[in-house]
Each structure stands twice: as structure tokens, then as C-alpha cells.
Amino acid sequence: MHLAGTKVLLVEAHADSLEAFSRILEGEGAMTGCASTVEEALQIAERLHPDVLVAELMMEGSANVVAEVRRLAGDTVRAIAVCSHPEPRDYDRALAWGFQLFLPKPIDPDVLVTVVRRVTPRSV
């Protein structure tokens, strides 16, 4: 259980991806909160206080999601952007919006687990 005790907020418009990410991370011991919109994610962030945010870069409202989740859950929340068919400017956009890392989809399950584990604060 590589992610035991880690709380991950997943924000993804595609239900199949959201379910797959959740299943993968929960299989490693993480607790996940799943949202299909940024508005829903903010409601979950208030309750969950996630350690890590994994969010689709191209969703409506994604430009502010990192700042808003951190406002609600604390400045230590680490953020990973995911995106299908990324273009070079998407990497720059993700960094400018406060994400620490960027993963192009499809995402290998082992890569997802490894990246979430690496960005998780050591105190978890």
C-alpha cells in the first residue's frame, strides 16, 4: 500500500477515466474524492482536505482550480495536471496555473501511483 493515508482529489470530466484513476489509487491505499466538475471538486476539497489534486487541464474552470483548492484545503496541496493530446503550450499553461507536474493521457497505472507518491508531502 504505497499511498496509505494519502488523500487525493480527482477532477475529470470523463467518467471512465475518473473511475479508473480512483480504482488505481484506492488499490494502493489512497482515499479519493471524485469530481466531474471544478465546482464539485471545490465542495469535496472543503471536506476532504486533499494532499494531492489530480485534475484534467482542459476542463472549464481548470485555470483556477489549484488556487481554489489550496484556498480551501491548504497551501501544501500538490497538483498534477492530466491532458489528452497535449500540445507544448499545455505544459506551460499547467505550470502557470499552479500545477507541479503534467501527465499526458493515457496514463500508465504505475506512473500515476509513482507520481502521486512522489508529490505527496512526507508527513502523510
N, C-alpha and C. Protein backbone atom coordinates (compact mmCIF):
# COMPACT_ATOMS: atom_id res chain seq x y z
N MET A 1 0.84 -1.19 0.00
CA MET A 1 0.00 0.00 0.00
C MET A 1 0.88 1.25 0.00
N HIS A 2 1.30 1.64 -1.17
CA HIS A 2 2.23 2.76 -1.31
C HIS A 2 1.63 4.10 -0.94
N LEU A 3 0.30 4.21 -0.98
CA LEU A 3 -0.33 5.52 -0.76
C LEU A 3 -1.22 5.55 0.48
N ALA A 4 -1.02 4.64 1.39
CA ALA A 4 -1.84 4.59 2.60
C ALA A 4 -1.83 5.94 3.31
N GLY A 5 -3.01 6.45 3.61
CA GLY A 5 -3.14 7.72 4.31
C GLY A 5 -3.15 8.94 3.41
N THR A 6 -2.88 8.78 2.13
CA THR A 6 -2.86 9.89 1.19
C THR A 6 -4.27 10.19 0.70
N LYS A 7 -4.66 11.45 0.76
CA LYS A 7 -5.98 11.88 0.27
C LYS A 7 -5.79 12.57 -1.08
N VAL A 8 -6.47 12.04 -2.10
CA VAL A 8 -6.32 12.54 -3.46
C VAL A 8 -7.66 13.01 -3.98
N LEU A 9 -7.71 14.24 -4.46
CA LEU A 9 -8.90 14.78 -5.11
C LEU A 9 -8.71 14.63 -6.62
N LEU A 10 -9.61 13.89 -7.25
CA LEU A 10 -9.57 13.65 -8.69
C LEU A 10 -10.64 14.49 -9.37
N VAL A 11 -10.25 15.24 -10.40
CA VAL A 11 -11.19 16.09 -11.13
C VAL A 11 -11.05 15.74 -12.60
N GLU A 12 -12.08 15.10 -13.14
CA GLU A 12 -12.01 14.56 -14.51
C GLU A 12 -13.42 14.49 -15.07
N ALA A 13 -13.63 15.06 -16.26
CA ALA A 13 -14.95 15.07 -16.87
C ALA A 13 -15.36 13.72 -17.44
N HIS A 14 -14.40 12.89 -17.78
CA HIS A 14 -14.69 11.59 -18.37
C HIS A 14 -14.86 10.55 -17.26
N ALA A 15 -16.07 10.03 -17.13
CA ALA A 15 -16.40 9.12 -16.04
C ALA A 15 -15.50 7.89 -16.03
N ASP A 16 -15.16 7.35 -17.20
CA ASP A 16 -14.32 6.15 -17.23
C ASP A 16 -12.92 6.43 -16.71
N SER A 17 -12.35 7.58 -17.05
CA SER A 17 -11.03 7.95 -16.53
C SER A 17 -11.10 8.21 -15.04
N LEU A 18 -12.14 8.89 -14.60
CA LEU A 18 -12.30 9.18 -13.17
C LEU A 18 -12.38 7.89 -12.36
N GLU A 19 -13.16 6.95 -12.84
CA GLU A 19 -13.30 5.67 -12.16
C GLU A 19 -11.98 4.89 -12.16
N ALA A 20 -11.29 4.89 -13.29
CA ALA A 20 -10.01 4.17 -13.39
C ALA A 20 -8.97 4.77 -12.45
N PHE A 21 -8.83 6.10 -12.45
CA PHE A 21 -7.86 6.75 -11.56
C PHE A 21 -8.18 6.41 -10.10
N SER A 22 -9.45 6.50 -9.75
CA SER A 22 -9.86 6.22 -8.38
C SER A 22 -9.54 4.78 -7.98
N ARG A 23 -9.88 3.86 -8.83
CA ARG A 23 -9.64 2.44 -8.55
C ARG A 23 -8.15 2.16 -8.37
N ILE A 24 -7.33 2.72 -9.24
CA ILE A 24 -5.88 2.53 -9.18
C ILE A 24 -5.33 3.06 -7.86
N LEU A 25 -5.69 4.29 -7.52
CA LEU A 25 -5.14 4.92 -6.33
C LEU A 25 -5.67 4.28 -5.04
N GLU A 26 -6.95 3.95 -5.02
CA GLU A 26 -7.52 3.28 -3.85
C GLU A 26 -6.90 1.88 -3.67
N GLY A 27 -6.55 1.24 -4.78
CA GLY A 27 -5.89 -0.05 -4.70
C GLY A 27 -4.53 0.02 -4.04
N GLU A 28 -3.95 1.22 -4.01
CA GLU A 28 -2.66 1.45 -3.34
C GLU A 28 -2.84 2.08 -1.96
N GLY A 29 -4.09 2.16 -1.49
CA GLY A 29 -4.34 2.65 -0.14
C GLY A 29 -4.77 4.09 -0.01
N ALA A 30 -4.84 4.83 -1.11
CA ALA A 30 -5.24 6.23 -1.04
C ALA A 30 -6.74 6.35 -0.79
N MET A 31 -7.14 7.46 -0.20
CA MET A 31 -8.54 7.82 -0.09
C MET A 31 -8.79 8.84 -1.21
N THR A 32 -9.81 8.62 -2.03
CA THR A 32 -10.04 9.53 -3.14
C THR A 32 -11.39 10.22 -3.02
N GLY A 33 -11.42 11.44 -3.49
CA GLY A 33 -12.65 12.18 -3.70
C GLY A 33 -12.74 12.42 -5.19
N CYS A 34 -13.88 12.14 -5.79
CA CYS A 34 -14.02 12.22 -7.24
C CYS A 34 -15.02 13.29 -7.64
N ALA A 35 -14.63 14.12 -8.60
CA ALA A 35 -15.49 15.19 -9.08
C ALA A 35 -15.43 15.25 -10.60
N SER A 36 -16.58 15.53 -11.21
CA SER A 36 -16.62 15.64 -12.67
C SER A 36 -16.67 17.09 -13.13
N THR A 37 -16.72 18.03 -12.16
CA THR A 37 -16.65 19.47 -12.47
C THR A 37 -15.77 20.15 -11.43
N VAL A 38 -15.30 21.33 -11.76
CA VAL A 38 -14.49 22.09 -10.81
C VAL A 38 -15.35 22.50 -9.61
N GLU A 39 -16.59 22.88 -9.85
CA GLU A 39 -17.48 23.28 -8.75
C GLU A 39 -17.64 22.14 -7.75
N GLU A 40 -17.86 20.94 -8.25
CA GLU A 40 -17.99 19.77 -7.39
C GLU A 40 -16.68 19.51 -6.65
N ALA A 41 -15.57 19.70 -7.32
CA ALA A 41 -14.26 19.50 -6.71
C ALA A 41 -14.05 20.42 -5.52
N LEU A 42 -14.49 21.66 -5.63
CA LEU A 42 -14.31 22.61 -4.53
C LEU A 42 -15.13 22.21 -3.31
N GLN A 43 -16.32 21.68 -3.55
CA GLN A 43 -17.14 21.20 -2.43
C GLN A 43 -16.45 20.02 -1.74
N ILE A 44 -15.90 19.11 -2.52
CA ILE A 44 -15.21 17.95 -1.96
C ILE A 44 -13.93 18.38 -1.24
N ALA A 45 -13.21 19.35 -1.80
CA ALA A 45 -11.96 19.82 -1.19
C ALA A 45 -12.18 20.34 0.22
N GLU A 46 -13.30 21.01 0.45
CA GLU A 46 -13.60 21.53 1.79
C GLU A 46 -13.72 20.42 2.82
N ARG A 47 -14.28 19.29 2.40
CA ARG A 47 -14.47 18.16 3.32
C ARG A 47 -13.25 17.26 3.39
N LEU A 48 -12.63 16.98 2.25
CA LEU A 48 -11.56 16.00 2.15
C LEU A 48 -10.21 16.55 2.62
N HIS A 49 -9.95 17.82 2.38
CA HIS A 49 -8.63 18.42 2.62
C HIS A 49 -7.54 17.54 2.00
N PRO A 50 -7.53 17.45 0.66
CA PRO A 50 -6.62 16.54 -0.03
C PRO A 50 -5.15 16.92 0.13
N ASP A 51 -4.32 15.89 0.02
CA ASP A 51 -2.88 16.10 -0.05
C ASP A 51 -2.45 16.38 -1.48
N VAL A 52 -3.18 15.75 -2.42
CA VAL A 52 -2.83 15.82 -3.84
C VAL A 52 -4.10 16.07 -4.65
N LEU A 53 -3.97 16.91 -5.65
CA LEU A 53 -5.03 17.19 -6.62
C LEU A 53 -4.56 16.65 -7.97
N VAL A 54 -5.40 15.83 -8.61
CA VAL A 54 -5.14 15.37 -9.98
C VAL A 54 -6.30 15.88 -10.81
N ALA A 55 -6.04 16.79 -11.75
CA ALA A 55 -7.13 17.45 -12.47
C ALA A 55 -6.86 17.52 -13.97
N GLU A 56 -7.94 17.35 -14.72
CA GLU A 56 -7.91 17.49 -16.18
C GLU A 56 -7.65 18.96 -16.52
N LEU A 57 -6.63 19.20 -17.29
CA LEU A 57 -6.21 20.56 -17.63
C LEU A 57 -7.23 21.30 -18.48
N MET A 58 -7.96 20.59 -19.33
CA MET A 58 -8.84 21.26 -20.28
C MET A 58 -10.29 21.44 -19.80
N MET A 59 -10.55 21.14 -18.55
CA MET A 59 -11.90 21.33 -18.03
C MET A 59 -12.19 22.82 -17.83
N GLU A 60 -13.45 23.18 -17.97
CA GLU A 60 -13.86 24.54 -17.68
C GLU A 60 -13.55 24.86 -16.23
N GLY A 61 -12.88 25.96 -15.99
CA GLY A 61 -12.52 26.36 -14.63
C GLY A 61 -11.18 25.85 -14.15
N SER A 62 -10.50 25.08 -14.98
CA SER A 62 -9.24 24.49 -14.52
C SER A 62 -8.13 25.52 -14.29
N ALA A 63 -8.25 26.69 -14.89
CA ALA A 63 -7.23 27.73 -14.69
C ALA A 63 -7.15 28.16 -13.23
N ASN A 64 -8.24 28.03 -12.50
CA ASN A 64 -8.27 28.48 -11.10
C ASN A 64 -8.38 27.35 -10.10
N VAL A 65 -8.47 26.12 -10.56
CA VAL A 65 -8.75 25.02 -9.63
C VAL A 65 -7.65 24.83 -8.59
N VAL A 66 -6.40 24.95 -8.96
CA VAL A 66 -5.32 24.75 -7.99
C VAL A 66 -5.39 25.81 -6.90
N ALA A 67 -5.51 27.06 -7.28
CA ALA A 67 -5.57 28.14 -6.30
C ALA A 67 -6.79 27.99 -5.39
N GLU A 68 -7.92 27.62 -5.95
CA GLU A 68 -9.14 27.50 -5.15
C GLU A 68 -9.07 26.30 -4.20
N VAL A 69 -8.54 25.18 -4.66
CA VAL A 69 -8.39 24.02 -3.78
C VAL A 69 -7.42 24.35 -2.65
N ARG A 70 -6.34 25.02 -2.96
CA ARG A 70 -5.38 25.40 -1.92
C ARG A 70 -6.00 26.39 -0.93
N ARG A 71 -6.83 27.28 -1.41
CA ARG A 71 -7.51 28.23 -0.52
C ARG A 71 -8.40 27.48 0.48
N LEU A 72 -9.06 26.44 0.00
CA LEU A 72 -9.98 25.68 0.85
C LEU A 72 -9.30 24.62 1.71
N ALA A 73 -8.23 24.01 1.17
CA ALA A 73 -7.63 22.84 1.83
C ALA A 73 -6.21 23.06 2.33
N GLY A 74 -5.62 24.19 2.01
CA GLY A 74 -4.27 24.47 2.49
C GLY A 74 -3.25 24.57 1.38
N ASP A 75 -2.23 25.37 1.63
CA ASP A 75 -1.20 25.66 0.63
C ASP A 75 -0.30 24.48 0.30
N THR A 76 -0.37 23.42 1.08
CA THR A 76 0.52 22.28 0.84
C THR A 76 -0.02 21.29 -0.19
N VAL A 77 -1.24 21.52 -0.68
CA VAL A 77 -1.81 20.62 -1.69
C VAL A 77 -0.92 20.63 -2.93
N ARG A 78 -0.49 19.45 -3.35
CA ARG A 78 0.31 19.30 -4.56
C ARG A 78 -0.63 19.03 -5.73
N ALA A 79 -0.31 19.51 -6.92
CA ALA A 79 -1.23 19.42 -8.04
C ALA A 79 -0.58 18.81 -9.28
N ILE A 80 -1.32 17.86 -9.87
CA ILE A 80 -0.89 17.17 -11.08
C ILE A 80 -1.94 17.41 -12.15
N ALA A 81 -1.54 17.94 -13.29
CA ALA A 81 -2.45 18.14 -14.41
C ALA A 81 -2.38 16.92 -15.33
N VAL A 82 -3.52 16.54 -15.87
CA VAL A 82 -3.57 15.48 -16.88
C VAL A 82 -4.27 16.03 -18.11
N CYS A 83 -3.89 15.50 -19.28
CA CYS A 83 -4.45 16.04 -20.52
C CYS A 83 -4.31 15.03 -21.64
N SER A 84 -5.38 14.90 -22.42
CA SER A 84 -5.32 14.09 -23.64
C SER A 84 -4.76 14.95 -24.77
N HIS A 85 -3.96 14.36 -25.62
CA HIS A 85 -3.43 15.04 -26.80
C HIS A 85 -2.81 16.40 -26.48
N PRO A 86 -1.87 16.42 -25.55
CA PRO A 86 -1.29 17.72 -25.16
C PRO A 86 -0.44 18.33 -26.26
N GLU A 87 -0.43 19.63 -26.24
CA GLU A 87 0.44 20.41 -27.11
C GLU A 87 1.50 21.06 -26.22
N PRO A 88 2.63 21.47 -26.78
CA PRO A 88 3.70 22.06 -25.96
C PRO A 88 3.21 23.19 -25.05
N ARG A 89 2.30 24.02 -25.51
CA ARG A 89 1.82 25.15 -24.69
C ARG A 89 1.04 24.67 -23.47
N ASP A 90 0.49 23.44 -23.52
CA ASP A 90 -0.26 22.91 -22.38
C ASP A 90 0.62 22.70 -21.17
N TYR A 91 1.86 22.30 -21.38
CA TYR A 91 2.81 22.13 -20.27
C TYR A 91 3.04 23.47 -19.59
N ASP A 92 3.27 24.51 -20.38
CA ASP A 92 3.49 25.85 -19.83
C ASP A 92 2.26 26.35 -19.11
N ARG A 93 1.09 26.11 -19.69
CA ARG A 93 -0.18 26.53 -19.08
C ARG A 93 -0.35 25.86 -17.72
N ALA A 94 -0.07 24.58 -17.65
CA ALA A 94 -0.22 23.84 -16.39
C ALA A 94 0.66 24.45 -15.30
N LEU A 95 1.91 24.73 -15.62
CA LEU A 95 2.82 25.32 -14.64
C LEU A 95 2.36 26.72 -14.22
N ALA A 96 1.89 27.50 -15.19
CA ALA A 96 1.41 28.86 -14.90
C ALA A 96 0.18 28.83 -14.00
N TRP A 97 -0.62 27.79 -14.09
CA TRP A 97 -1.84 27.68 -13.28
C TRP A 97 -1.60 27.04 -11.92
N GLY A 98 -0.35 26.69 -11.61
CA GLY A 98 -0.02 26.20 -10.28
C GLY A 98 0.18 24.70 -10.15
N PHE A 99 0.07 23.97 -11.24
CA PHE A 99 0.33 22.53 -11.19
C PHE A 99 1.84 22.31 -11.10
N GLN A 100 2.23 21.29 -10.33
CA GLN A 100 3.66 20.97 -10.24
C GLN A 100 4.09 20.02 -11.35
N LEU A 101 3.18 19.15 -11.77
CA LEU A 101 3.51 18.14 -12.78
C LEU A 101 2.42 18.04 -13.82
N PHE A 102 2.78 17.47 -14.95
CA PHE A 102 1.86 17.32 -16.07
C PHE A 102 2.01 15.90 -16.61
N LEU A 103 0.89 15.18 -16.73
CA LEU A 103 0.90 13.83 -17.28
C LEU A 103 -0.01 13.76 -18.50
N PRO A 104 0.54 13.35 -19.64
CA PRO A 104 -0.32 13.15 -20.81
C PRO A 104 -1.09 11.85 -20.68
N LYS A 105 -2.35 11.85 -21.15
CA LYS A 105 -3.15 10.63 -21.16
C LYS A 105 -2.94 9.92 -22.48
N PRO A 106 -3.05 8.61 -22.51
CA PRO A 106 -3.40 7.73 -21.39
C PRO A 106 -2.23 7.61 -20.41
N ILE A 107 -2.59 7.39 -19.15
CA ILE A 107 -1.59 7.31 -18.08
C ILE A 107 -1.44 5.87 -17.63
N ASP A 108 -0.22 5.40 -17.64
CA ASP A 108 0.08 4.06 -17.14
C ASP A 108 -0.23 4.05 -15.64
N PRO A 109 -0.95 3.04 -15.15
CA PRO A 109 -1.28 2.99 -13.72
C PRO A 109 -0.07 3.10 -12.80
N ASP A 110 1.03 2.44 -13.14
CA ASP A 110 2.23 2.51 -12.30
C ASP A 110 2.80 3.92 -12.26
N VAL A 111 2.72 4.63 -13.38
CA VAL A 111 3.21 6.01 -13.44
C VAL A 111 2.33 6.89 -12.56
N LEU A 112 1.02 6.71 -12.62
CA LEU A 112 0.12 7.51 -11.79
C LEU A 112 0.44 7.32 -10.30
N VAL A 113 0.58 6.08 -9.88
CA VAL A 113 0.88 5.79 -8.48
C VAL A 113 2.23 6.39 -8.09
N THR A 114 3.23 6.21 -8.92
CA THR A 114 4.57 6.72 -8.62
C THR A 114 4.57 8.24 -8.50
N VAL A 115 3.90 8.91 -9.41
CA VAL A 115 3.89 10.38 -9.40
C VAL A 115 3.13 10.90 -8.18
N VAL A 116 2.00 10.31 -7.87
CA VAL A 116 1.25 10.75 -6.69
C VAL A 116 2.09 10.52 -5.43
N ARG A 117 2.74 9.39 -5.35
CA ARG A 117 3.59 9.11 -4.19
C ARG A 117 4.72 10.12 -4.07
N ARG A 118 5.33 10.48 -5.19
CA ARG A 118 6.46 11.41 -5.16
C ARG A 118 6.07 12.81 -4.74
N VAL A 119 4.87 13.26 -5.10
CA VAL A 119 4.48 14.63 -4.74
C VAL A 119 3.80 14.71 -3.38
N THR A 120 3.42 13.57 -2.80
CA THR A 120 2.73 13.59 -1.52
C THR A 120 3.66 14.10 -0.43
N PRO A 121 3.18 15.05 0.37
CA PRO A 121 4.00 15.55 1.48
C PRO A 121 4.45 14.39 2.37
N ARG A 122 5.66 14.46 2.85
CA ARG A 122 6.25 13.38 3.67
C ARG A 122 5.50 13.12 4.97
N SER A 123 4.76 14.08 5.46
CA SER A 123 4.08 13.91 6.75
C SER A 123 2.84 13.04 6.66
N VAL A 124 2.42 12.66 5.45
CA VAL A 124 1.22 11.82 5.30
C VAL A 124 1.55 10.41 5.66
